[in-house]
Amino acid sequence: MKPNTVAPQSAWSKSSYSSGAEGNCVTTAILGRRIAVRDSKLAFEEEQGVLLVQARAWADFLGLVRS
């Protein structure tokens, strides 16, 4: 899916741990029971897609990363 068809620009957020200066981060948008994930460097590229994952799977992933 293309980023701008999944969620409006205002729905996307980036982690406070991301380095804002270089733009090297992943942004996410909460879409009910799904989480959309995209590479912020490529956010406006038409050819770039978005990874959609179930909210529970995303929560499990974050739990593992944080531990």
Protein backbone atom coordinates (compact mmCIF):
# COMPACT_ATOMS: atom_id res chain seq x y z
CA MET A 1 0.00 0.00 0.00
CA LYS A 2 1.14 3.52 -0.64
CA PRO A 3 1.75 5.68 2.46
CA ASN A 4 -0.66 8.48 1.66
CA THR A 5 -3.55 6.13 0.89
CA VAL A 6 -3.19 4.30 4.21
CA ALA A 7 -3.39 7.27 6.57
CA PRO A 8 -3.27 11.06 6.35
CA GLN A 9 0.09 12.71 6.98
CA SER A 10 -1.14 13.96 10.37
CA ALA A 11 -1.69 10.37 11.59
CA TRP A 12 1.99 9.41 11.32
CA SER A 13 4.35 9.78 14.27
CA LYS A 14 7.98 8.94 14.92
CA SER A 15 9.69 7.64 17.99
CA SER A 16 11.31 10.06 20.38
CA TYR A 17 14.35 7.78 20.09
CA SER A 18 14.73 8.54 16.38
CA SER A 19 17.48 10.89 15.29
CA GLY A 20 15.58 13.79 13.77
CA ALA A 21 18.57 15.51 12.21
CA GLU A 22 19.30 12.85 9.61
CA GLY A 23 15.73 11.75 9.04
CA ASN A 24 16.67 8.13 9.68
CA CYS A 25 13.64 6.78 11.41
CA VAL A 26 10.56 4.67 11.09
CA THR A 27 7.16 6.28 11.46
CA THR A 28 3.96 4.59 12.52
CA ALA A 29 0.24 5.27 12.32
CA ILE A 30 -2.38 3.58 14.48
CA LEU A 31 -5.26 2.34 12.35
CA GLY A 32 -7.63 0.64 14.77
CA ARG A 33 -6.47 -2.96 15.11
CA ARG A 34 -3.60 -2.44 12.67
CA ILE A 35 -0.37 -0.46 12.79
CA ALA A 36 1.10 1.02 9.64
CA VAL A 37 4.91 1.25 9.50
CA ARG A 38 6.97 3.16 6.93
CA ASP A 39 10.50 4.42 6.37
CA SER A 40 10.42 8.18 6.97
CA LYS A 41 13.10 8.85 4.33
CA LEU A 42 10.81 7.39 1.70
CA ALA A 43 7.47 8.56 3.10
CA PHE A 44 6.47 10.60 0.07
CA GLU A 45 7.84 8.34 -2.63
CA GLU A 46 5.01 6.98 -4.73
CA GLU A 47 6.68 3.61 -5.21
CA GLN A 48 7.30 2.99 -1.54
CA GLY A 49 4.93 0.91 0.48
CA VAL A 50 3.73 0.57 4.01
CA LEU A 51 3.97 -2.48 6.23
CA LEU A 52 0.66 -3.22 7.98
CA VAL A 53 0.76 -5.40 11.09
CA GLN A 54 -1.82 -6.42 13.64
CA ALA A 55 -1.73 -4.21 16.76
CA ARG A 56 -1.10 -7.22 19.02
CA ALA A 57 1.87 -8.36 16.91
CA TRP A 58 3.29 -4.81 17.02
CA ALA A 59 2.90 -4.70 20.81
CA ASP A 60 4.69 -8.05 21.09
CA PHE A 61 7.49 -6.79 18.86
CA LEU A 62 7.94 -3.62 20.91
CA GLY A 63 7.98 -5.68 24.10
CA LEU A 64 10.84 -7.75 22.76
CA VAL A 65 12.77 -4.71 21.56
CA ARG A 66 12.40 -2.95 24.89
CA SER A 67 13.50 -5.95 26.96
